[in-house]
Amino acid sequence: MTYALSDLSETIAGLAQASAPHLAAIRVGAGVHVSGIVWSPDLILTTDRGLPPLDVYMVVLASGLLVQAHVVRRDPATNLAALRPESPAETMEIVAGMRDSVGSLLLLLAADGDGSPTVRLSNVYRRPKAPGHGVTLDLPGALVEPGSLVLDSLAAMLGMLSLSAEGDAVVIPYRTVARFAGIAAGAPNAEAPRPLYAAPRPAAQRGLPPLAGRPPSGARPAGGAPVRPPSSERRVWLGVALQPIAIPESLVGRVGQKSGRLVVNAAQGGPADLAGLRPGDVVLSLNGQSTSGANALRTVLDSCRIGSRVEIRFLRETTISTTALIVAEQPH
């Protein structure tokens, strides 16, 4: 007698083992890492938002080998980053996946801290709404491990797991990843990748002075009425990029929770920067509310909070601290 569930279980376990050489753990702080995909012996790819700015990164390969790596290219528009290890990494050929219909079963492979694979199952929840965008998965944002390898039902690479600006689990399509990898590797005819989503540009690039030096949104221009967009159109700005991350087991008891939000970067002069937050910090709670839930930031991101004070509890290496920031309005 054949047992379908047993066959499925053995297939998943076999795929996890066979795909391990594609995975790498990129250390971004004390006891903190993000997943990466070993695209070729001299190129490791991950999400741009998950990579704080460091001079050198320590990378743990599936073999357990620890190597140094340096950034060769970053692209916030597609949320992709490429690292070049100082020692070539062993890997295998990556095949493009095609099965992305709604309901399709997917395998999500991430790297644990020692480089070994971790596995989650999900399925396609929603097809992309525009060409070049990736599918949305049926996976809570708190469980998303950016940089994970996403395999379709034929064990081919559908893309790289990422977290959208709205907190949804999305897949950066294989085609976008491949184009970016070609550019990072210096391919002469590599085509520029299409953005997965529009990343907000820094104020300086939009010809605007820093928020701290701008008049408040309700300021009255000479001879006119206060210029203030409707509250429904105003957007909150914390000046920080966050992503879910697991708390090291050795600190869970003291911290009181198993996950938080890693500070990937903080805009200079923004609310988070002025509050003293910096890349590598892990935000634990906002006004006493844990950041480990999928909708933990929703109340803070409500436009009615603009101008209010938010108390932040965060972890820096092994020290728990508190600070406060003033919620600002998204610069236009």
C-alpha atoms as a PDB file:
ATOM      1  CA  MET A   1       0.000   0.000   0.000  1.00  0.00           C
ATOM      2  CA  THR A   2       1.290   3.460  -0.870  1.00  0.00           C
ATOM      3  CA  TYR A   3       0.875   6.267   1.670  1.00  0.00           C
ATOM      4  CA  ALA A   4       0.751   9.670  -0.041  1.00  0.00           C
ATOM      5  CA  LEU A   5       1.622  11.589   3.138  1.00  0.00           C
ATOM      6  CA  SER A   6       4.674   9.419   3.759  1.00  0.00           C
ATOM      7  CA  ASP A   7       5.832   9.956   0.176  1.00  0.00           C
ATOM      8  CA  LEU A   8       5.348  13.702   0.513  1.00  0.00           C
ATOM      9  CA  SER A   9       7.291  13.738   3.780  1.00  0.00           C
ATOM     10  CA  GLU A  10      10.218  11.833   2.277  1.00  0.00           C
ATOM     11  CA  THR A  11      10.213  14.085  -0.789  1.00  0.00           C
ATOM     12  CA  ILE A  12      10.372  17.261   1.322  1.00  0.00           C
ATOM     13  CA  ALA A  13      13.170  15.868   3.497  1.00  0.00           C
ATOM     14  CA  GLY A  14      15.090  14.816   0.379  1.00  0.00           C
ATOM     15  CA  LEU A  15      14.683  18.229  -1.251  1.00  0.00           C
ATOM     16  CA  ALA A  16      15.872  19.992   1.900  1.00  0.00           C
ATOM     17  CA  GLN A  17      19.009  17.890   1.966  1.00  0.00           C
ATOM     18  CA  ALA A  18      19.656  18.197  -1.768  1.00  0.00           C
ATOM     19  CA  SER A  19      19.134  21.977  -1.771  1.00  0.00           C
ATOM     20  CA  ALA A  20      21.368  22.678   1.248  1.00  0.00           C
ATOM     21  CA  PRO A  21      24.397  23.702  -0.894  1.00  0.00           C
ATOM     22  CA  HIS A  22      22.324  26.622  -2.229  1.00  0.00           C
ATOM     23  CA  LEU A  23      21.955  28.134   1.255  1.00  0.00           C
ATOM     24  CA  ALA A  24      24.165  30.390   3.363  1.00  0.00           C
ATOM     25  CA  ALA A  25      23.776  32.112   6.730  1.00  0.00           C
ATOM     26  CA  ILE A  26      24.979  35.726   6.620  1.00  0.00           C
ATOM     27  CA  ARG A  27      25.852  37.063  10.065  1.00  0.00           C
ATOM     28  CA  VAL A  28      24.591  40.615  10.594  1.00  0.00           C
ATOM     29  CA  GLY A  29      24.995  41.008  14.341  1.00  0.00           C
ATOM     30  CA  ALA A  30      25.683  39.175  17.591  1.00  0.00           C
ATOM     31  CA  GLY A  31      23.759  35.914  17.284  1.00  0.00           C
ATOM     32  CA  VAL A  32      21.758  37.330  14.371  1.00  0.00           C
ATOM     33  CA  HIS A  33      21.846  36.187  10.751  1.00  0.00           C
ATOM     34  CA  VAL A  34      19.878  36.404   7.518  1.00  0.00           C
ATOM     35  CA  SER A  35      19.554  33.774   4.816  1.00  0.00           C
ATOM     36  CA  GLY A  36      21.283  33.952   1.461  1.00  0.00           C
ATOM     37  CA  ILE A  37      21.271  31.942  -1.756  1.00  0.00           C
ATOM     38  CA  VAL A  38      24.586  30.699  -3.155  1.00  0.00           C
ATOM     39  CA  TRP A  39      23.957  31.616  -6.776  1.00  0.00           C
ATOM     40  CA  SER A  40      27.425  30.714  -8.034  1.00  0.00           C
ATOM     41  CA  PRO A  41      30.792  29.917  -6.406  1.00  0.00           C
ATOM     42  CA  ASP A  42      31.610  33.636  -6.202  1.00  0.00           C
ATOM     43  CA  LEU A  43      28.156  35.169  -5.679  1.00  0.00           C
ATOM     44  CA  ILE A  44      25.756  34.970  -2.729  1.00  0.00           C
ATOM     45  CA  LEU A  45      22.402  36.756  -3.016  1.00  0.00           C
ATOM     46  CA  THR A  46      20.080  37.995  -0.297  1.00  0.00           C
ATOM     47  CA  THR A  47      17.545  40.782   0.268  1.00  0.00           C
ATOM     48  CA  ASP A  48      18.850  44.345   0.378  1.00  0.00           C
ATOM     49  CA  ARG A  49      16.610  45.271   3.312  1.00  0.00           C
ATOM     50  CA  GLY A  50      18.007  42.447   5.395  1.00  0.00           C
ATOM     51  CA  LEU A  51      21.624  43.527   5.024  1.00  0.00           C
ATOM     52  CA  PRO A  52      22.893  46.280   7.359  1.00  0.00           C
ATOM     53  CA  PRO A  53      25.863  48.293   6.022  1.00  0.00           C
ATOM     54  CA  LEU A  54      29.045  46.526   7.154  1.00  0.00           C
ATOM     55  CA  ASP A  55      32.587  46.494   5.771  1.00  0.00           C
ATOM     56  CA  VAL A  56      32.734  42.702   5.833  1.00  0.00           C
ATOM     57  CA  TYR A  57      30.264  39.908   6.533  1.00  0.00           C
ATOM     58  CA  MET A  58      30.936  36.470   7.952  1.00  0.00           C
ATOM     59  CA  VAL A  59      29.053  33.818   6.010  1.00  0.00           C
ATOM     60  CA  VAL A  60      28.409  30.243   7.115  1.00  0.00           C
ATOM     61  CA  LEU A  61      28.016  27.855   4.187  1.00  0.00           C
ATOM     62  CA  ALA A  62      26.030  24.605   4.243  1.00  0.00           C
ATOM     63  CA  SER A  63      29.273  22.700   4.732  1.00  0.00           C
ATOM     64  CA  GLY A  64      29.846  24.611   7.972  1.00  0.00           C
ATOM     65  CA  LEU A  65      32.730  26.551   6.425  1.00  0.00           C
ATOM     66  CA  LEU A  66      33.012  30.150   7.649  1.00  0.00           C
ATOM     67  CA  VAL A  67      34.106  32.645   4.996  1.00  0.00           C
ATOM     68  CA  GLN A  68      34.333  36.419   4.700  1.00  0.00           C
ATOM     69  CA  ALA A  69      32.289  38.213   2.053  1.00  0.00           C
ATOM     70  CA  HIS A  70      31.968  41.764   0.725  1.00  0.00           C
ATOM     71  CA  VAL A  71      29.053  43.534  -0.967  1.00  0.00           C
ATOM     72  CA  VAL A  72      29.479  43.902  -4.724  1.00  0.00           C
ATOM     73  CA  ARG A  73      26.053  45.338  -5.553  1.00  0.00           C
ATOM     74  CA  ARG A  74      22.853  46.500  -3.841  1.00  0.00           C
ATOM     75  CA  ASP A  75      19.550  47.465  -5.455  1.00  0.00           C
ATOM     76  CA  PRO A  76      16.814  48.825  -3.116  1.00  0.00           C
ATOM     77  CA  ALA A  77      14.323  48.920  -6.017  1.00  0.00           C
ATOM     78  CA  THR A  78      14.311  45.145  -6.384  1.00  0.00           C
ATOM     79  CA  ASN A  79      15.303  44.523  -2.754  1.00  0.00           C
ATOM     80  CA  LEU A  80      18.346  42.467  -3.779  1.00  0.00           C
ATOM     81  CA  ALA A  81      21.968  42.468  -2.663  1.00  0.00           C
ATOM     82  CA  ALA A  82      24.995  40.459  -3.835  1.00  0.00           C
ATOM     83  CA  LEU A  83      28.017  39.386  -1.784  1.00  0.00           C
ATOM     84  CA  ARG A  84      31.290  37.978  -3.070  1.00  0.00           C
ATOM     85  CA  PRO A  85      32.910  35.411  -0.733  1.00  0.00           C
ATOM     86  CA  GLU A  86      36.679  35.537  -0.416  1.00  0.00           C
ATOM     87  CA  SER A  87      36.764  31.750  -0.868  1.00  0.00           C
ATOM     88  CA  PRO A  88      34.647  30.097  -3.630  1.00  0.00           C
ATOM     89  CA  ALA A  89      31.525  28.342  -2.357  1.00  0.00           C
ATOM     90  CA  GLU A  90      30.431  24.936  -3.569  1.00  0.00           C
ATOM     91  CA  THR A  91      27.002  24.946  -5.157  1.00  0.00           C
ATOM     92  CA  MET A  92      24.899  23.376  -7.901  1.00  0.00           C
ATOM     93  CA  GLU A  93      23.094  24.616 -10.991  1.00  0.00           C
ATOM     94  CA  ILE A  94      19.874  26.485 -10.292  1.00  0.00           C
ATOM     95  CA  VAL A  95      16.861  25.700 -12.472  1.00  0.00           C
ATOM     96  CA  ALA A  96      14.089  28.248 -13.063  1.00  0.00           C
ATOM     97  CA  GLY A  97      10.670  27.380 -11.649  1.00  0.00           C
ATOM     98  CA  MET A  98       7.400  27.969 -13.460  1.00  0.00           C
ATOM     99  CA  ARG A  99       4.587  26.618 -11.270  1.00  0.00           C
ATOM    100  CA  ASP A 100       3.119  29.703  -9.595  1.00  0.00           C
ATOM    101  CA  SER A 101      -0.651  29.258 -10.016  1.00  0.00           C
ATOM    102  CA  VAL A 102      -2.869  30.199  -7.084  1.00  0.00           C
ATOM    103  CA  GLY A 103      -2.869  27.298  -4.642  1.00  0.00           C
ATOM    104  CA  SER A 104       0.443  25.857  -5.866  1.00  0.00           C
ATOM    105  CA  LEU A 105       2.444  24.258  -3.058  1.00  0.00           C
ATOM    106  CA  LEU A 106       5.862  25.818  -2.420  1.00  0.00           C
ATOM    107  CA  LEU A 107       8.877  24.859  -0.330  1.00  0.00           C
ATOM    108  CA  LEU A 108      10.703  27.644   1.528  1.00  0.00           C
ATOM    109  CA  LEU A 109      14.303  26.849   2.438  1.00  0.00           C
ATOM    110  CA  ALA A 110      16.291  29.121   4.750  1.00  0.00           C
ATOM    111  CA  ALA A 111      19.696  28.811   6.392  1.00  0.00           C
ATOM    112  CA  ASP A 112      19.961  28.241  10.121  1.00  0.00           C
ATOM    113  CA  GLY A 113      22.772  29.883  12.055  1.00  0.00           C
ATOM    114  CA  ASP A 114      25.120  26.970  11.393  1.00  0.00           C
ATOM    115  CA  GLY A 115      24.347  26.932   7.662  1.00  0.00           C
ATOM    116  CA  SER A 116      22.051  23.915   7.832  1.00  0.00           C
ATOM    117  CA  PRO A 117      18.646  24.166   6.093  1.00  0.00           C
ATOM    118  CA  THR A 118      15.318  25.003   7.704  1.00  0.00           C
ATOM    119  CA  VAL A 119      12.057  24.301   5.885  1.00  0.00           C
ATOM    120  CA  ARG A 120       8.554  25.746   5.697  1.00  0.00           C
ATOM    121  CA  LEU A 121       5.641  24.832   3.445  1.00  0.00           C
ATOM    122  CA  SER A 122       3.351  27.456   1.940  1.00  0.00           C
ATOM    123  CA  ASN A 123       1.257  28.015  -1.138  1.00  0.00           C
ATOM    124  CA  VAL A 124       0.546  30.785  -3.639  1.00  0.00           C
ATOM    125  CA  TYR A 125      -2.141  32.999  -2.143  1.00  0.00           C
ATOM    126  CA  ARG A 126      -2.345  35.637  -4.870  1.00  0.00           C
ATOM    127  CA  ARG A 127      -0.959  36.111  -8.341  1.00  0.00           C
ATOM    128  CA  PRO A 128       1.010  39.332  -9.045  1.00  0.00           C
ATOM    129  CA  LYS A 129      -1.065  42.333 -10.045  1.00  0.00           C
ATOM    130  CA  ALA A 130       1.545  43.714 -12.453  1.00  0.00           C
ATOM    131  CA  PRO A 131       4.200  42.226 -14.761  1.00  0.00           C
ATOM    132  CA  GLY A 132       7.544  41.707 -13.076  1.00  0.00           C
ATOM    133  CA  HIS A 133       6.057  41.433  -9.602  1.00  0.00           C
ATOM    134  CA  GLY A 134       6.148  38.232  -7.554  1.00  0.00           C
ATOM    135  CA  VAL A 135       3.385  36.074  -6.129  1.00  0.00           C
ATOM    136  CA  THR A 136       2.075  36.561  -2.588  1.00  0.00           C
ATOM    137  CA  LEU A 137       2.247  33.559  -0.256  1.00  0.00           C
ATOM    138  CA  ASP A 138      -0.097  32.258   2.407  1.00  0.00           C
ATOM    139  CA  LEU A 139       2.414  32.926   5.176  1.00  0.00           C
ATOM    140  CA  PRO A 140       2.241  35.370   8.118  1.00  0.00           C
ATOM    141  CA  GLY A 141       4.762  38.184   7.875  1.00  0.00           C
ATOM    142  CA  ALA A 142       6.225  37.257  11.275  1.00  0.00           C
ATOM    143  CA  LEU A 143       7.332  33.895   9.838  1.00  0.00           C
ATOM    144  CA  VAL A 144       8.997  35.335   6.742  1.00  0.00           C
ATOM    145  CA  GLU A 145      12.750  34.702   6.574  1.00  0.00           C
ATOM    146  CA  PRO A 146      13.907  37.088   3.830  1.00  0.00           C
ATOM    147  CA  GLY A 147      16.508  35.614   1.502  1.00  0.00           C
ATOM    148  CA  SER A 148      14.989  32.123   1.614  1.00  0.00           C
ATOM    149  CA  LEU A 149      15.047  29.921  -1.476  1.00  0.00           C
ATOM    150  CA  VAL A 150      11.529  29.325  -2.837  1.00  0.00           C
ATOM    151  CA  LEU A 151      11.050  26.054  -4.754  1.00  0.00           C
ATOM    152  CA  ASP A 152       7.987  25.074  -6.771  1.00  0.00           C
ATOM    153  CA  SER A 153       6.398  21.605  -6.887  1.00  0.00           C
ATOM    154  CA  LEU A 154       9.021  20.456  -9.391  1.00  0.00           C
ATOM    155  CA  ALA A 155      11.865  21.467  -7.047  1.00  0.00           C
ATOM    156  CA  ALA A 156      12.851  24.371  -9.332  1.00  0.00           C
ATOM    157  CA  MET A 157      13.578  27.885  -8.048  1.00  0.00           C
ATOM    158  CA  LEU A 158      10.531  30.139  -8.228  1.00  0.00           C
ATOM    159  CA  GLY A 159      12.439  33.022  -6.632  1.00  0.00           C
ATOM    160  CA  MET A 160      13.617  34.523  -3.328  1.00  0.00           C
ATOM    161  CA  LEU A 161      11.384  35.097  -0.317  1.00  0.00           C
ATOM    162  CA  SER A 162      10.929  38.705   0.756  1.00  0.00           C
ATOM    163  CA  LEU A 163       8.713  40.879   2.913  1.00  0.00           C
ATOM    164  CA  SER A 164       6.731  43.561   1.126  1.00  0.00           C
ATOM    165  CA  ALA A 165       6.307  47.103   2.427  1.00  0.00           C
ATOM    166  CA  GLU A 166       2.800  46.051   3.535  1.00  0.00           C
ATOM    167  CA  GLY A 167       4.148  43.124   5.563  1.00  0.00           C
ATOM    168  CA  ASP A 168       3.129  40.373   3.129  1.00  0.00           C
ATOM    169  CA  ALA A 169       5.231  37.355   2.206  1.00  0.00           C
ATOM    170  CA  VAL A 170       6.168  37.834  -1.459  1.00  0.00           C
ATOM    171  CA  VAL A 171       8.505  36.125  -3.887  1.00  0.00           C
ATOM    172  CA  ILE A 172      11.073  38.083  -5.856  1.00  0.00           C
ATOM    173  CA  PRO A 173      10.738  36.272  -9.218  1.00  0.00           C
ATOM    174  CA  TYR A 174      13.523  34.070 -10.516  1.00  0.00           C
ATOM    175  CA  ARG A 175      13.831  36.239 -13.631  1.00  0.00           C
ATOM    176  CA  THR A 176      14.436  39.367 -11.542  1.00  0.00           C
ATOM    177  CA  VAL A 177      16.968  37.563  -9.354  1.00  0.00           C
ATOM    178  CA  ALA A 178      18.787  36.156 -12.412  1.00  0.00           C
ATOM    179  CA  ARG A 179      19.028  39.571 -14.069  1.00  0.00           C
ATOM    180  CA  PHE A 180      20.373  41.138 -10.905  1.00  0.00           C
ATOM    181  CA  ALA A 181      22.902  38.322 -10.485  1.00  0.00           C
ATOM    182  CA  GLY A 182      24.069  38.868 -14.064  1.00  0.00           C
ATOM    183  CA  ILE A 183      24.636  42.564 -13.455  1.00  0.00           C
ATOM    184  CA  ALA A 184      26.405  41.895 -10.147  1.00  0.00           C
ATOM    185  CA  ALA A 185      28.663  39.368 -11.868  1.00  0.00           C
ATOM    186  CA  GLY A 186      29.543  41.900 -14.570  1.00  0.00           C
ATOM    187  CA  ALA A 187      27.676  40.234 -17.435  1.00  0.00           C
ATOM    188  CA  PRO A 188      28.029  42.672 -20.398  1.00  0.00           C
ATOM    189  CA  ASN A 189      24.507  42.150 -21.747  1.00  0.00           C
ATOM    190  CA  ALA A 190      22.654  41.798 -18.461  1.00  0.00           C
ATOM    191  CA  GLU A 191      19.226  43.423 -18.598  1.00  0.00           C
ATOM    192  CA  ALA A 192      18.296  45.788 -15.798  1.00  0.00           C
ATOM    193  CA  PRO A 193      15.743  44.097 -13.489  1.00  0.00           C
ATOM    194  CA  ARG A 194      12.237  45.432 -13.156  1.00  0.00           C
ATOM    195  CA  PRO A 195      11.412  46.755  -9.678  1.00  0.00           C
ATOM    196  CA  LEU A 196       9.434  44.409  -7.445  1.00  0.00           C
ATOM    197  CA  TYR A 197       7.966  47.430  -5.712  1.00  0.00           C
ATOM    198  CA  ALA A 198       8.747  51.108  -5.605  1.00  0.00           C
ATOM    199  CA  ALA A 199      11.133  51.857  -2.760  1.00  0.00           C
ATOM    200  CA  PRO A 200      10.804  55.337  -1.194  1.00  0.00           C
ATOM    201  CA  ARG A 201      13.710  57.597  -2.142  1.00  0.00           C
ATOM    202  CA  PRO A 202      15.659  59.555   0.471  1.00  0.00           C
ATOM    203  CA  ALA A 203      14.552  63.161   0.866  1.00  0.00           C
ATOM    204  CA  ALA A 204      17.862  64.457  -0.479  1.00  0.00           C
ATOM    205  CA  GLN A 205      17.298  62.637  -3.782  1.00  0.00           C
ATOM    206  CA  ARG A 206      13.899  64.265  -4.148  1.00  0.00           C
ATOM    207  CA  GLY A 207      15.342  67.770  -3.756  1.00  0.00           C
ATOM    208  CA  LEU A 208      13.886  68.140  -0.249  1.00  0.00           C
ATOM    209  CA  PRO A 209      15.739  69.225   2.887  1.00  0.00           C
ATOM    210  CA  PRO A 210      15.795  66.788   5.828  1.00  0.00           C
ATOM    211  CA  LEU A 211      12.541  66.492   7.718  1.00  0.00           C
ATOM    212  CA  ALA A 212      13.994  68.227  10.779  1.00  0.00           C
ATOM    213  CA  GLY A 213      14.627  71.362   8.690  1.00  0.00           C
ATOM    214  CA  ARG A 214      11.269  71.429   6.923  1.00  0.00           C
ATOM    215  CA  PRO A 215       8.267  73.440   8.085  1.00  0.00           C
ATOM    216  CA  PRO A 216       5.540  71.349   9.754  1.00  0.00           C
ATOM    217  CA  SER A 217       2.933  69.906   7.424  1.00  0.00           C
ATOM    218  CA  GLY A 218       0.336  72.372   8.665  1.00  0.00           C
ATOM    219  CA  ALA A 219       2.504  75.472   8.090  1.00  0.00           C
ATOM    220  CA  ARG A 220       0.762  78.370   6.396  1.00  0.00           C
ATOM    221  CA  PRO A 221       2.472  79.700   3.249  1.00  0.00           C
ATOM    222  CA  ALA A 222       2.493  83.474   2.755  1.00  0.00           C
ATOM    223  CA  GLY A 223      -0.996  84.664   1.880  1.00  0.00           C
ATOM    224  CA  GLY A 224      -2.492  81.175   1.843  1.00  0.00           C
ATOM    225  CA  ALA A 225      -4.292  78.593   3.938  1.00  0.00           C
ATOM    226  CA  PRO A 226      -2.526  75.774   5.768  1.00  0.00           C
ATOM    227  CA  VAL A 227      -1.385  73.131   3.309  1.00  0.00           C
ATOM    228  CA  ARG A 228      -2.164  69.739   4.763  1.00  0.00           C
ATOM    229  CA  PRO A 229      -3.206  66.644   2.848  1.00  0.00           C
ATOM    230  CA  PRO A 230      -6.314  64.798   4.053  1.00  0.00           C
ATOM    231  CA  SER A 231      -5.580  62.432   6.953  1.00  0.00           C
ATOM    232  CA  SER A 232      -6.444  59.470   4.718  1.00  0.00           C
ATOM    233  CA  GLU A 233      -3.619  60.468   2.380  1.00  0.00           C
ATOM    234  CA  ARG A 234      -1.006  61.219   5.036  1.00  0.00           C
ATOM    235  CA  ARG A 235       1.494  58.449   5.628  1.00  0.00           C
ATOM    236  CA  VAL A 236       3.522  57.707   8.736  1.00  0.00           C
ATOM    237  CA  TRP A 237       7.319  57.827   8.509  1.00  0.00           C
ATOM    238  CA  LEU A 238       9.558  56.259  11.146  1.00  0.00           C
ATOM    239  CA  GLY A 239      12.677  56.641   9.010  1.00  0.00           C
ATOM    240  CA  VAL A 240      13.673  53.021   9.499  1.00  0.00           C
ATOM    241  CA  ALA A 241      13.543  49.722   7.588  1.00  0.00           C
ATOM    242  CA  LEU A 242      12.587  46.740   9.748  1.00  0.00           C
ATOM    243  CA  GLN A 243      12.325  43.043   9.118  1.00  0.00           C
ATOM    244  CA  PRO A 244      11.166  40.139  11.325  1.00  0.00           C
ATOM    245  CA  ILE A 245      13.976  38.192  12.954  1.00  0.00           C
ATOM    246  CA  ALA A 246      14.282  35.432  15.556  1.00  0.00           C
ATOM    247  CA  ILE A 247      15.766  36.237  18.969  1.00  0.00           C
ATOM    248  CA  PRO A 248      18.773  34.029  19.848  1.00  0.00           C
ATOM    249  CA  GLU A 249      17.624  31.212  22.133  1.00  0.00           C
ATOM    250  CA  SER A 250      20.124  32.234  24.812  1.00  0.00           C
ATOM    251  CA  LEU A 251      18.355  35.621  25.128  1.00  0.00           C
ATOM    252  CA  VAL A 252      14.691  34.580  24.811  1.00  0.00           C
ATOM    253  CA  GLY A 253      14.214  34.139  28.574  1.00  0.00           C
ATOM    254  CA  ARG A 254      15.558  37.595  29.394  1.00  0.00           C
ATOM    255  CA  VAL A 255      13.890  39.345  26.465  1.00  0.00           C
ATOM    256  CA  GLY A 256      10.540  37.653  27.011  1.00  0.00           C
ATOM    257  CA  GLN A 257       9.761  36.918  23.353  1.00  0.00           C
ATOM    258  CA  LYS A 258      11.055  34.766  20.526  1.00  0.00           C
ATOM    259  CA  SER A 259      11.161  37.337  17.733  1.00  0.00           C
ATOM    260  CA  GLY A 260      11.428  41.047  17.044  1.00  0.00           C
ATOM    261  CA  ARG A 261      12.162  43.478  14.209  1.00  0.00           C
ATOM    262  CA  LEU A 262      15.732  43.945  13.003  1.00  0.00           C
ATOM    263  CA  VAL A 263      16.758  47.518  12.156  1.00  0.00           C
ATOM    264  CA  VAL A 264      18.182  47.135   8.651  1.00  0.00           C
ATOM    265  CA  ASN A 265      18.862  50.832   8.097  1.00  0.00           C
ATOM    266  CA  ALA A 266      17.850  54.182   9.569  1.00  0.00           C
ATOM    267  CA  ALA A 267      17.499  57.346   7.472  1.00  0.00           C
ATOM    268  CA  GLN A 268      19.889  60.067   8.603  1.00  0.00           C
ATOM    269  CA  GLY A 269      17.959  62.734  10.492  1.00  0.00           C
ATOM    270  CA  GLY A 270      14.817  60.574  10.540  1.00  0.00           C
ATOM    271  CA  PRO A 271      12.751  59.770  13.655  1.00  0.00           C
ATOM    272  CA  ALA A 272      14.535  56.470  14.349  1.00  0.00           C
ATOM    273  CA  ASP A 273      17.983  57.996  13.823  1.00  0.00           C
ATOM    274  CA  LEU A 274      17.175  60.889  16.157  1.00  0.00           C
ATOM    275  CA  ALA A 275      15.939  58.366  18.732  1.00  0.00           C
ATOM    276  CA  GLY A 276      19.335  56.649  18.652  1.00  0.00           C
ATOM    277  CA  LEU A 277      18.400  53.458  16.810  1.00  0.00           C
ATOM    278  CA  ARG A 278      21.034  52.028  14.488  1.00  0.00           C
ATOM    279  CA  PRO A 279      21.391  49.048  12.103  1.00  0.00           C
ATOM    280  CA  GLY A 280      21.671  45.773  13.963  1.00  0.00           C
ATOM    281  CA  ASP A 281      19.340  46.786  16.811  1.00  0.00           C
ATOM    282  CA  VAL A 282      16.303  44.546  17.326  1.00  0.00           C
ATOM    283  CA  VAL A 283      13.083  46.400  18.165  1.00  0.00           C
ATOM    284  CA  LEU A 284      11.148  44.391  20.774  1.00  0.00           C
ATOM    285  CA  SER A 285       8.100  46.538  21.520  1.00  0.00           C
ATOM    286  CA  LEU A 286       6.398  49.820  20.677  1.00  0.00           C
ATOM    287  CA  ASN A 287       4.478  51.491  23.487  1.00  0.00           C
ATOM    288  CA  GLY A 288       4.556  48.165  25.326  1.00  0.00           C
ATOM    289  CA  GLN A 289       3.167  46.175  22.380  1.00  0.00           C
ATOM    290  CA  SER A 290       5.414  43.358  21.163  1.00  0.00           C
ATOM    291  CA  THR A 291       6.664  43.649  17.579  1.00  0.00           C
ATOM    292  CA  SER A 292       6.598  39.868  17.109  1.00  0.00           C
ATOM    293  CA  GLY A 293       3.043  39.764  15.738  1.00  0.00           C
ATOM    294  CA  ALA A 294       2.240  40.052  12.041  1.00  0.00           C
ATOM    295  CA  ASN A 295       0.157  43.215  12.658  1.00  0.00           C
ATOM    296  CA  ALA A 296       2.283  44.633  15.482  1.00  0.00           C
ATOM    297  CA  LEU A 297       3.150  47.846  13.629  1.00  0.00           C
ATOM    298  CA  ARG A 298      -0.349  48.581  12.367  1.00  0.00           C
ATOM    299  CA  THR A 299      -1.461  50.853  15.215  1.00  0.00           C
ATOM    300  CA  VAL A 300       1.809  52.808  15.161  1.00  0.00           C
ATOM    301  CA  LEU A 301       1.567  53.277  11.389  1.00  0.00           C
ATOM    302  CA  ASP A 302      -1.904  54.828  11.585  1.00  0.00           C
ATOM    303  CA  SER A 303      -1.809  58.416  10.280  1.00  0.00           C
ATOM    304  CA  CYS A 304      -3.492  59.687  13.446  1.00  0.00           C
ATOM    305  CA  ARG A 305      -0.227  58.919  15.284  1.00  0.00           C
ATOM    306  CA  ILE A 306       1.742  61.547  13.360  1.00  0.00           C
ATOM    307  CA  GLY A 307       3.378  63.911  15.849  1.00  0.00           C
ATOM    308  CA  SER A 308       2.923  61.562  18.800  1.00  0.00           C
ATOM    309  CA  ARG A 309       5.623  60.000  20.986  1.00  0.00           C
ATOM    310  CA  VAL A 310       6.292  56.250  20.811  1.00  0.00           C
ATOM    311  CA  GLU A 311       8.341  54.423  23.431  1.00  0.00           C
ATOM    312  CA  ILE A 312      10.640  51.773  21.954  1.00  0.00           C
ATOM    313  CA  ARG A 313      12.192  48.820  23.754  1.00  0.00           C
ATOM    314  CA  PHE A 314      15.066  47.319  21.809  1.00  0.00           C
ATOM    315  CA  LEU A 315      17.942  44.865  21.996  1.00  0.00           C
ATOM    316  CA  ARG A 316      21.477  45.961  21.085  1.00  0.00           C
ATOM    317  CA  GLU A 317      23.777  42.937  21.051  1.00  0.00           C
ATOM    318  CA  THR A 318      22.945  41.553  24.523  1.00  0.00           C
ATOM    319  CA  THR A 319      21.713  44.783  26.189  1.00  0.00           C
ATOM    320  CA  ILE A 320      18.028  45.725  26.467  1.00  0.00           C
ATOM    321  CA  SER A 321      17.390  49.479  26.277  1.00  0.00           C
ATOM    322  CA  THR A 322      14.513  51.919  25.794  1.00  0.00           C
ATOM    323  CA  THR A 323      14.197  55.105  23.794  1.00  0.00           C
ATOM    324  CA  ALA A 324      11.445  57.184  22.244  1.00  0.00           C
ATOM    325  CA  LEU A 325      10.770  58.669  18.830  1.00  0.00           C
ATOM    326  CA  ILE A 326       8.319  61.195  17.452  1.00  0.00           C
ATOM    327  CA  VAL A 327       6.228  59.759  14.621  1.00  0.00           C
ATOM    328  CA  ALA A 328       6.637  61.916  11.513  1.00  0.00           C
ATOM    329  CA  GLU A 329       4.798  62.318   8.243  1.00  0.00           C
ATOM    330  CA  GLN A 330       6.215  60.653   5.145  1.00  0.00           C
ATOM    331  CA  PRO A 331       8.161  63.296   3.166  1.00  0.00           C
ATOM    332  CA  HIS A 332       6.593  64.007  -0.241  1.00  0.00           C
END
